Every structure is written in structure tokens, then in C-alpha cells.
């Protein structure tokens, strides 16, 4: 658990890991393998409650520790995205950038951003230029992973709902039917503002990002 707490400290305070810490981490790289999933989930939430959660996550990635949270997060590091609208050619880099864009301490928001594209490694087509259904697939994966990590059912459902609907603005657009927006509000319940926060953080890392779309959609 110390490795995960160290990642949280890096995300929460203006410090850098001392070389001796990195050396010790390499020597004990499998230390998290015996840690209960529930404890890992507890520490993950703590990391996601920091404003610079991406620093902690990147630290875990750089030191081969993401696999103890989920191997599907590791798969994101290896998943290319070649569509013309992507600024980042790697799903993990896009996710880290979206977390930076959000600059949030809200665990629901940050967890939704972390998992919003997790379904891409299982849905890529046309040489990874398209990822049909990655929102639905990603929501199912998110539910499974967060449940295994012992997060409360309410948290799991709220995060998964945002993941499942994160493409709404791109699919429906600000001029979408009123009934579609009502269905979205019903699905997200009290997390509609969190949904827009995730959507905006995600969209900012796309070449065709238009902030007016988000603002118009918020007023629906």
C-alpha cells in the first residue's frame, strides 16, 4: 500500500520521488501483488481525490504498477488511436491529458475520465481509426473492475453511467431532440454536471473541439 500512498503524495504535494525511492520500487515491483483488491481500490479513490491525480497515475504507469489496479489500464497504454480527430495517438496519453484538463478533486469525475475509453482496446476497427460501442463496452468493464476493487455500488453505478454516456454530446450534438436530453438526465440522475465536466475534459483533447457545443448542451 505504500507504493499507492506514494503515488497519492506525488499527486497531492509539490514533490518528486527521490532516486532511492525509485530504486526501492524496482526492487519490490511485485509488492502490490499480495495486497487485497479492496485496499487497492481504497487507495485508488484517494489518488482520484487529488487535483493532480494524473501525476500519481503516471507514476504508477512509469513503474509498472498499473497492472495491480487493472490489466485493462495497461492495455490502454498499448492501444493506438489513429482517427483524424485525435490529438493523442495513444489512449493512455489521451486519458492523462483529459485528467489534466479537468483539474478536479471529485473522485466520481476523475474515475469516469480514467475509465471513459477503457473499452477501446476491445473495440478497435479499421486499424484503430474507429471504436464502435466502446462506450457501452467500457461501462461494462468499468462496473466489473470497480466492483472487484471493492468500491461502493452507488459509486460504481455513477461512474459507469457517465462512461456509458460520455459520447452523448458527440453523437447527439447541442441540437439533439429534447427527449434525448431528458433520457440523459434521467440516466445520470444527480451527476449531470459531472457528466459535462467529463465531456469537456475529453473533448478538449480532440482536434475538432468546439466549446460552444458543451455550453449549448448545458442549457438544454
C-alpha atoms as a PDB file:
ATOM      1  CA  UNK A   1       0.000   0.000   0.000  1.00  0.00           C
ATOM      2  CA  UNK A   2       2.973   2.322   0.497  1.00  0.00           C
ATOM      3  CA  UNK A   3       3.532   2.436  -3.260  1.00  0.00           C
ATOM      4  CA  UNK A   4      -0.038   3.634  -3.790  1.00  0.00           C
ATOM      5  CA  UNK A   5       0.217   6.159  -0.972  1.00  0.00           C
ATOM      6  CA  UNK A   6       3.458   7.393  -2.519  1.00  0.00           C
ATOM      7  CA  UNK A   7       1.628   7.921  -5.805  1.00  0.00           C
ATOM      8  CA  UNK A   8      -1.015   9.911  -3.930  1.00  0.00           C
ATOM      9  CA  UNK A   9       1.587  12.093  -2.228  1.00  0.00           C
ATOM     10  CA  UNK A  10       3.159  12.855  -5.607  1.00  0.00           C
ATOM     11  CA  UNK A  11      -0.256  13.909  -6.872  1.00  0.00           C
ATOM     12  CA  UNK A  12      -1.131  15.911  -3.775  1.00  0.00           C
ATOM     13  CA  UNK A  13       2.095  17.735  -2.919  1.00  0.00           C
ATOM     14  CA  UNK A  14       4.755  19.626  -4.939  1.00  0.00           C
ATOM     15  CA  UNK A  15       7.369  16.891  -4.513  1.00  0.00           C
ATOM     16  CA  UNK A  16       9.301  14.463  -6.698  1.00  0.00           C
ATOM     17  CA  UNK A  17      10.252  10.889  -5.978  1.00  0.00           C
ATOM     18  CA  UNK A  18      13.813  10.566  -4.676  1.00  0.00           C
ATOM     19  CA  UNK A  19      16.054   8.231  -6.746  1.00  0.00           C
ATOM     20  CA  UNK A  20      16.350   5.916  -3.751  1.00  0.00           C
ATOM     21  CA  UNK A  21      12.551   5.545  -3.733  1.00  0.00           C
ATOM     22  CA  UNK A  22      12.542   4.572  -7.393  1.00  0.00           C
ATOM     23  CA  UNK A  23      15.364   2.111  -6.787  1.00  0.00           C
ATOM     24  CA  UNK A  24      13.450   0.533  -3.925  1.00  0.00           C
ATOM     25  CA  UNK A  25      10.324   0.373  -6.047  1.00  0.00           C
ATOM     26  CA  UNK A  26      12.117  -1.561  -8.760  1.00  0.00           C
ATOM     27  CA  UNK A  27      13.473  -3.959  -6.156  1.00  0.00           C
ATOM     28  CA  UNK A  28       9.953  -4.533  -4.806  1.00  0.00           C
ATOM     29  CA  UNK A  29       7.979  -4.224  -8.021  1.00  0.00           C
ATOM     30  CA  UNK A  30       5.650  -7.097  -7.108  1.00  0.00           C
ATOM     31  CA  UNK A  31       4.876  -5.830  -3.604  1.00  0.00           C
ATOM     32  CA  UNK A  32       1.292  -4.949  -4.540  1.00  0.00           C
ATOM     33  CA  UNK A  33       0.568  -8.440  -5.843  1.00  0.00           C
ATOM     34  CA  UNK A  34      -0.372  -9.658  -2.365  1.00  0.00           C
ATOM     35  CA  UNK A  35      -2.478  -6.641  -1.459  1.00  0.00           C
ATOM     36  CA  UNK A  36      -6.233  -7.154  -1.259  1.00  0.00           C
ATOM     37  CA  UNK A  37      -8.170  -5.635  -4.158  1.00  0.00           C
ATOM     38  CA  UNK A  38     -10.382  -3.704  -1.755  1.00  0.00           C
ATOM     39  CA  UNK A  39      -7.336  -1.949  -0.287  1.00  0.00           C
ATOM     40  CA  UNK A  40      -6.064  -1.110  -3.773  1.00  0.00           C
ATOM     41  CA  UNK A  41      -9.488   0.322  -4.574  1.00  0.00           C
ATOM     42  CA  UNK A  42      -9.417   2.415  -1.399  1.00  0.00           C
ATOM     43  CA  UNK A  43      -6.032   3.880  -2.321  1.00  0.00           C
ATOM     44  CA  UNK A  44      -7.120   4.469  -5.943  1.00  0.00           C
ATOM     45  CA  UNK A  45     -10.043   6.600  -4.760  1.00  0.00           C
ATOM     46  CA  UNK A  46      -7.658   8.623  -2.587  1.00  0.00           C
ATOM     47  CA  UNK A  47      -5.456   9.261  -5.620  1.00  0.00           C
ATOM     48  CA  UNK A  48      -8.507  10.306  -7.646  1.00  0.00           C
ATOM     49  CA  UNK A  49      -9.429  12.862  -4.986  1.00  0.00           C
ATOM     50  CA  UNK A  50      -6.280  14.870  -5.691  1.00  0.00           C
ATOM     51  CA  UNK A  51      -6.261  17.751  -8.178  1.00  0.00           C
ATOM     52  CA  UNK A  52      -3.253  16.296  -9.996  1.00  0.00           C
ATOM     53  CA  UNK A  53      -4.324  12.689  -9.993  1.00  0.00           C
ATOM     54  CA  UNK A  54      -2.641  12.203 -13.363  1.00  0.00           C
ATOM     55  CA  UNK A  55       0.763  12.584 -11.700  1.00  0.00           C
ATOM     56  CA  UNK A  56       0.062   9.670  -9.374  1.00  0.00           C
ATOM     57  CA  UNK A  57      -1.331   7.545 -12.195  1.00  0.00           C
ATOM     58  CA  UNK A  58       1.589   8.303 -14.490  1.00  0.00           C
ATOM     59  CA  UNK A  59       3.974   7.402 -11.674  1.00  0.00           C
ATOM     60  CA  UNK A  60       2.242   4.018 -11.359  1.00  0.00           C
ATOM     61  CA  UNK A  61       2.369   3.594 -15.129  1.00  0.00           C
ATOM     62  CA  UNK A  62       6.057   4.506 -15.372  1.00  0.00           C
ATOM     63  CA  UNK A  63       6.887   1.988 -12.663  1.00  0.00           C
ATOM     64  CA  UNK A  64       4.791  -0.934 -13.954  1.00  0.00           C
ATOM     65  CA  UNK A  65       2.229  -0.777 -11.144  1.00  0.00           C
ATOM     66  CA  UNK A  66      -0.996  -0.128 -13.079  1.00  0.00           C
ATOM     67  CA  UNK A  67      -1.422  -3.861 -13.597  1.00  0.00           C
ATOM     68  CA  UNK A  68      -2.312  -4.268  -9.928  1.00  0.00           C
ATOM     69  CA  UNK A  69      -5.278  -1.919 -10.352  1.00  0.00           C
ATOM     70  CA  UNK A  70      -6.352  -3.477 -13.654  1.00  0.00           C
ATOM     71  CA  UNK A  71      -4.597  -5.067 -16.599  1.00  0.00           C
ATOM     72  CA  UNK A  72      -7.087  -3.241 -18.801  1.00  0.00           C
ATOM     73  CA  UNK A  73      -5.457   0.043 -17.776  1.00  0.00           C
ATOM     74  CA  UNK A  74      -2.149  -1.359 -19.001  1.00  0.00           C
ATOM     75  CA  UNK A  75      -3.868  -2.268 -22.278  1.00  0.00           C
ATOM     76  CA  UNK A  76      -4.770   1.408 -22.690  1.00  0.00           C
ATOM     77  CA  UNK A  77      -1.049   2.211 -22.743  1.00  0.00           C
ATOM     78  CA  UNK A  78      -0.671  -0.161 -25.675  1.00  0.00           C
ATOM     79  CA  UNK A  79      -3.801   0.880 -27.606  1.00  0.00           C
ATOM     80  CA  UNK A  80      -3.219   3.230 -30.530  1.00  0.00           C
ATOM     81  CA  UNK A  81      -5.937   5.541 -31.830  1.00  0.00           C
ATOM     82  CA  UNK A  82      -5.423   6.716 -35.387  1.00  0.00           C
ATOM     83  CA  UNK A  83      -8.565   8.709 -36.131  1.00  0.00           C
ATOM     84  CA  UNK A  84      -8.014  12.174 -37.631  1.00  0.00           C
ATOM     85  CA  UNK A  85      -9.746  13.875 -34.708  1.00  0.00           C
ATOM     86  CA  UNK A  86      -7.369  12.536 -32.036  1.00  0.00           C
ATOM     87  CA  UNK A  87      -4.604  14.781 -30.729  1.00  0.00           C
ATOM     88  CA  UNK A  88      -3.049  11.856 -28.869  1.00  0.00           C
ATOM     89  CA  UNK A  89      -2.180   8.669 -30.754  1.00  0.00           C
ATOM     90  CA  UNK A  90      -2.289   6.612 -27.569  1.00  0.00           C
ATOM     91  CA  UNK A  91      -5.389   6.023 -25.409  1.00  0.00           C
ATOM     92  CA  UNK A  92      -3.473   6.275 -22.133  1.00  0.00           C
ATOM     93  CA  UNK A  93      -1.889   9.608 -23.088  1.00  0.00           C
ATOM     94  CA  UNK A  94      -5.303  10.940 -24.051  1.00  0.00           C
ATOM     95  CA  UNK A  95      -6.712   9.835 -20.684  1.00  0.00           C
ATOM     96  CA  UNK A  96      -3.909  11.536 -18.762  1.00  0.00           C
ATOM     97  CA  UNK A  97      -4.449  14.717 -20.791  1.00  0.00           C
ATOM     98  CA  UNK A  98      -8.190  14.634 -20.082  1.00  0.00           C
ATOM     99  CA  UNK A  99      -7.476  14.358 -16.337  1.00  0.00           C
ATOM    100  CA  UNK A 100      -5.215  17.391 -16.628  1.00  0.00           C
ATOM    101  CA  UNK A 101      -7.953  19.265 -18.463  1.00  0.00           C
ATOM    102  CA  UNK A 102     -10.477  18.512 -15.717  1.00  0.00           C
ATOM    103  CA  UNK A 103      -8.202  19.586 -12.840  1.00  0.00           C
ATOM    104  CA  UNK A 104     -10.795  18.097 -10.492  1.00  0.00           C
ATOM    105  CA  UNK A 105     -10.683  16.661  -6.976  1.00  0.00           C
ATOM    106  CA  UNK A 106     -14.022  14.911  -7.491  1.00  0.00           C
ATOM    107  CA  UNK A 107     -13.431  11.157  -7.384  1.00  0.00           C
ATOM    108  CA  UNK A 108     -16.521  10.406  -9.499  1.00  0.00           C
ATOM    109  CA  UNK A 109     -15.360  12.788 -12.233  1.00  0.00           C
ATOM    110  CA  UNK A 110     -11.784  11.547 -12.208  1.00  0.00           C
ATOM    111  CA  UNK A 111     -12.727   7.867 -12.142  1.00  0.00           C
ATOM    112  CA  UNK A 112     -15.099   8.422 -15.070  1.00  0.00           C
ATOM    113  CA  UNK A 113     -12.304  10.113 -17.015  1.00  0.00           C
ATOM    114  CA  UNK A 114      -9.855   7.338 -16.133  1.00  0.00           C
ATOM    115  CA  UNK A 115     -12.221   4.670 -17.458  1.00  0.00           C
ATOM    116  CA  UNK A 116     -14.109   6.528 -20.214  1.00  0.00           C
ATOM    117  CA  UNK A 117     -12.051   4.999 -23.047  1.00  0.00           C
ATOM    118  CA  UNK A 118     -11.104   1.708 -21.411  1.00  0.00           C
ATOM    119  CA  UNK A 119     -13.324  -0.128 -23.887  1.00  0.00           C
ATOM    120  CA  UNK A 120     -11.224   0.979 -26.854  1.00  0.00           C
ATOM    121  CA  UNK A 121      -8.710  -1.851 -26.534  1.00  0.00           C
ATOM    122  CA  UNK A 122     -11.556  -4.327 -27.178  1.00  0.00           C
ATOM    123  CA  UNK A 123     -13.481  -2.460 -29.891  1.00  0.00           C
ATOM    124  CA  UNK A 124     -10.932  -1.030 -32.347  1.00  0.00           C
ATOM    125  CA  UNK A 125     -11.675  -1.462 -36.062  1.00  0.00           C
ATOM    126  CA  UNK A 126     -10.150  -0.191 -39.325  1.00  0.00           C
ATOM    127  CA  UNK A 127      -6.636  -0.131 -37.877  1.00  0.00           C
ATOM    128  CA  UNK A 128      -7.918   1.573 -34.715  1.00  0.00           C
ATOM    129  CA  UNK A 129      -9.431   4.542 -36.525  1.00  0.00           C
ATOM    130  CA  UNK A 130     -12.865   3.688 -35.098  1.00  0.00           C
ATOM    131  CA  UNK A 131     -14.018   2.169 -31.807  1.00  0.00           C
ATOM    132  CA  UNK A 132     -17.715   1.307 -32.245  1.00  0.00           C
ATOM    133  CA  UNK A 133     -19.511   0.617 -28.986  1.00  0.00           C
ATOM    134  CA  UNK A 134     -16.535   1.427 -26.768  1.00  0.00           C
ATOM    135  CA  UNK A 135     -18.836   3.480 -24.538  1.00  0.00           C
ATOM    136  CA  UNK A 136     -21.104   0.511 -23.736  1.00  0.00           C
ATOM    137  CA  UNK A 137     -18.227  -1.971 -23.565  1.00  0.00           C
ATOM    138  CA  UNK A 138     -16.247   0.437 -21.390  1.00  0.00           C
ATOM    139  CA  UNK A 139     -19.176   0.858 -18.983  1.00  0.00           C
ATOM    140  CA  UNK A 140     -19.412  -2.916 -18.537  1.00  0.00           C
ATOM    141  CA  UNK A 141     -15.659  -3.165 -17.953  1.00  0.00           C
ATOM    142  CA  UNK A 142     -15.779  -0.254 -15.504  1.00  0.00           C
ATOM    143  CA  UNK A 143     -18.519  -1.910 -13.493  1.00  0.00           C
ATOM    144  CA  UNK A 144     -16.552  -5.156 -13.325  1.00  0.00           C
ATOM    145  CA  UNK A 145     -13.238  -3.524 -12.397  1.00  0.00           C
ATOM    146  CA  UNK A 146     -14.578  -1.129  -9.762  1.00  0.00           C
ATOM    147  CA  UNK A 147     -16.723  -3.865  -8.207  1.00  0.00           C
ATOM    148  CA  UNK A 148     -13.667  -6.099  -7.948  1.00  0.00           C
ATOM    149  CA  UNK A 149     -11.803  -3.213  -6.310  1.00  0.00           C
ATOM    150  CA  UNK A 150     -14.496  -3.065  -3.630  1.00  0.00           C
ATOM    151  CA  UNK A 151     -15.915   0.370  -4.377  1.00  0.00           C
ATOM    152  CA  UNK A 152     -19.470   1.055  -3.112  1.00  0.00           C
ATOM    153  CA  UNK A 153     -22.212   0.010  -5.516  1.00  0.00           C
ATOM    154  CA  UNK A 154     -23.524   3.572  -5.760  1.00  0.00           C
ATOM    155  CA  UNK A 155     -20.082   4.862  -6.811  1.00  0.00           C
ATOM    156  CA  UNK A 156     -19.676   2.040  -9.322  1.00  0.00           C
ATOM    157  CA  UNK A 157     -23.067   2.774 -10.899  1.00  0.00           C
ATOM    158  CA  UNK A 158     -22.484   6.532 -11.100  1.00  0.00           C
ATOM    159  CA  UNK A 159     -19.061   6.194 -12.698  1.00  0.00           C
ATOM    160  CA  UNK A 160     -20.276   3.528 -15.128  1.00  0.00           C
ATOM    161  CA  UNK A 161     -23.276   5.650 -16.144  1.00  0.00           C
ATOM    162  CA  UNK A 162     -21.019   8.550 -17.084  1.00  0.00           C
ATOM    163  CA  UNK A 163     -18.705   6.233 -19.010  1.00  0.00           C
ATOM    164  CA  UNK A 164     -21.660   4.732 -20.883  1.00  0.00           C
ATOM    165  CA  UNK A 165     -22.957   8.171 -21.882  1.00  0.00           C
ATOM    166  CA  UNK A 166     -19.693  10.033 -22.450  1.00  0.00           C
ATOM    167  CA  UNK A 167     -20.184  10.129 -26.243  1.00  0.00           C
ATOM    168  CA  UNK A 168     -23.606  11.759 -25.976  1.00  0.00           C
ATOM    169  CA  UNK A 169     -22.505  15.283 -26.967  1.00  0.00           C
ATOM    170  CA  UNK A 170     -20.595  13.990 -29.977  1.00  0.00           C
ATOM    171  CA  UNK A 171     -23.424  11.705 -31.102  1.00  0.00           C
ATOM    172  CA  UNK A 172     -26.440  13.886 -30.438  1.00  0.00           C
ATOM    173  CA  UNK A 173     -24.927  17.365 -30.531  1.00  0.00           C
ATOM    174  CA  UNK A 174     -26.331  20.540 -28.977  1.00  0.00           C
ATOM    175  CA  UNK A 175     -29.342  20.457 -31.335  1.00  0.00           C
ATOM    176  CA  UNK A 176     -30.441  16.990 -30.271  1.00  0.00           C
ATOM    177  CA  UNK A 177     -34.036  16.116 -29.561  1.00  0.00           C
ATOM    178  CA  UNK A 178     -35.400  17.313 -26.203  1.00  0.00           C
ATOM    179  CA  UNK A 179     -36.463  13.763 -25.352  1.00  0.00           C
ATOM    180  CA  UNK A 180     -32.867  12.557 -25.755  1.00  0.00           C
ATOM    181  CA  UNK A 181     -31.636  15.129 -23.249  1.00  0.00           C
ATOM    182  CA  UNK A 182     -34.373  14.134 -20.815  1.00  0.00           C
ATOM    183  CA  UNK A 183     -33.323  10.483 -21.099  1.00  0.00           C
ATOM    184  CA  UNK A 184     -29.724  11.522 -20.431  1.00  0.00           C
ATOM    185  CA  UNK A 185     -30.734  13.476 -17.323  1.00  0.00           C
ATOM    186  CA  UNK A 186     -32.756  10.510 -16.042  1.00  0.00           C
ATOM    187  CA  UNK A 187     -29.865   8.114 -16.644  1.00  0.00           C
ATOM    188  CA  UNK A 188     -27.320  10.324 -14.882  1.00  0.00           C
ATOM    189  CA  UNK A 189     -29.676  11.477 -12.104  1.00  0.00           C
ATOM    190  CA  UNK A 190     -27.697  13.893  -9.923  1.00  0.00           C
ATOM    191  CA  UNK A 191     -24.470  13.616 -11.907  1.00  0.00           C
ATOM    192  CA  UNK A 192     -25.361  15.732 -14.933  1.00  0.00           C
ATOM    193  CA  UNK A 193     -22.813  18.442 -14.014  1.00  0.00           C
ATOM    194  CA  UNK A 194     -20.153  15.774 -13.541  1.00  0.00           C
ATOM    195  CA  UNK A 195     -21.073  14.393 -16.966  1.00  0.00           C
ATOM    196  CA  UNK A 196     -20.464  17.793 -18.568  1.00  0.00           C
ATOM    197  CA  UNK A 197     -17.161  18.114 -16.703  1.00  0.00           C
ATOM    198  CA  UNK A 198     -16.023  14.755 -18.110  1.00  0.00           C
ATOM    199  CA  UNK A 199     -17.311  15.575 -21.602  1.00  0.00           C
ATOM    200  CA  UNK A 200     -15.480  18.888 -21.673  1.00  0.00           C
ATOM    201  CA  UNK A 201     -12.199  17.425 -20.373  1.00  0.00           C
ATOM    202  CA  UNK A 202     -12.420  14.684 -23.014  1.00  0.00           C
ATOM    203  CA  UNK A 203     -13.438  16.993 -25.879  1.00  0.00           C
ATOM    204  CA  UNK A 204     -10.623  19.465 -25.256  1.00  0.00           C
ATOM    205  CA  UNK A 205      -8.157  16.814 -26.375  1.00  0.00           C
ATOM    206  CA  UNK A 206      -9.831  16.448 -29.776  1.00  0.00           C
ATOM    207  CA  UNK A 207      -8.861  18.492 -32.818  1.00  0.00           C
ATOM    208  CA  UNK A 208     -12.441  19.466 -33.627  1.00  0.00           C
ATOM    209  CA  UNK A 209     -13.299  20.641 -30.114  1.00  0.00           C
ATOM    210  CA  UNK A 210     -15.872  23.428 -30.041  1.00  0.00           C
ATOM    211  CA  UNK A 211     -16.569  24.789 -26.530  1.00  0.00           C
ATOM    212  CA  UNK A 212     -19.888  26.193 -27.737  1.00  0.00           C
ATOM    213  CA  UNK A 213     -21.265  22.659 -28.062  1.00  0.00           C
ATOM    214  CA  UNK A 214     -20.817  21.995 -24.358  1.00  0.00           C
ATOM    215  CA  UNK A 215     -22.225  25.360 -23.338  1.00  0.00           C
ATOM    216  CA  UNK A 216     -25.305  24.999 -25.560  1.00  0.00           C
ATOM    217  CA  UNK A 217     -25.880  21.445 -24.317  1.00  0.00           C
ATOM    218  CA  UNK A 218     -25.715  22.588 -20.682  1.00  0.00           C
ATOM    219  CA  UNK A 219     -28.629  24.966 -21.291  1.00  0.00           C
ATOM    220  CA  UNK A 220     -30.920  22.252 -22.675  1.00  0.00           C
END
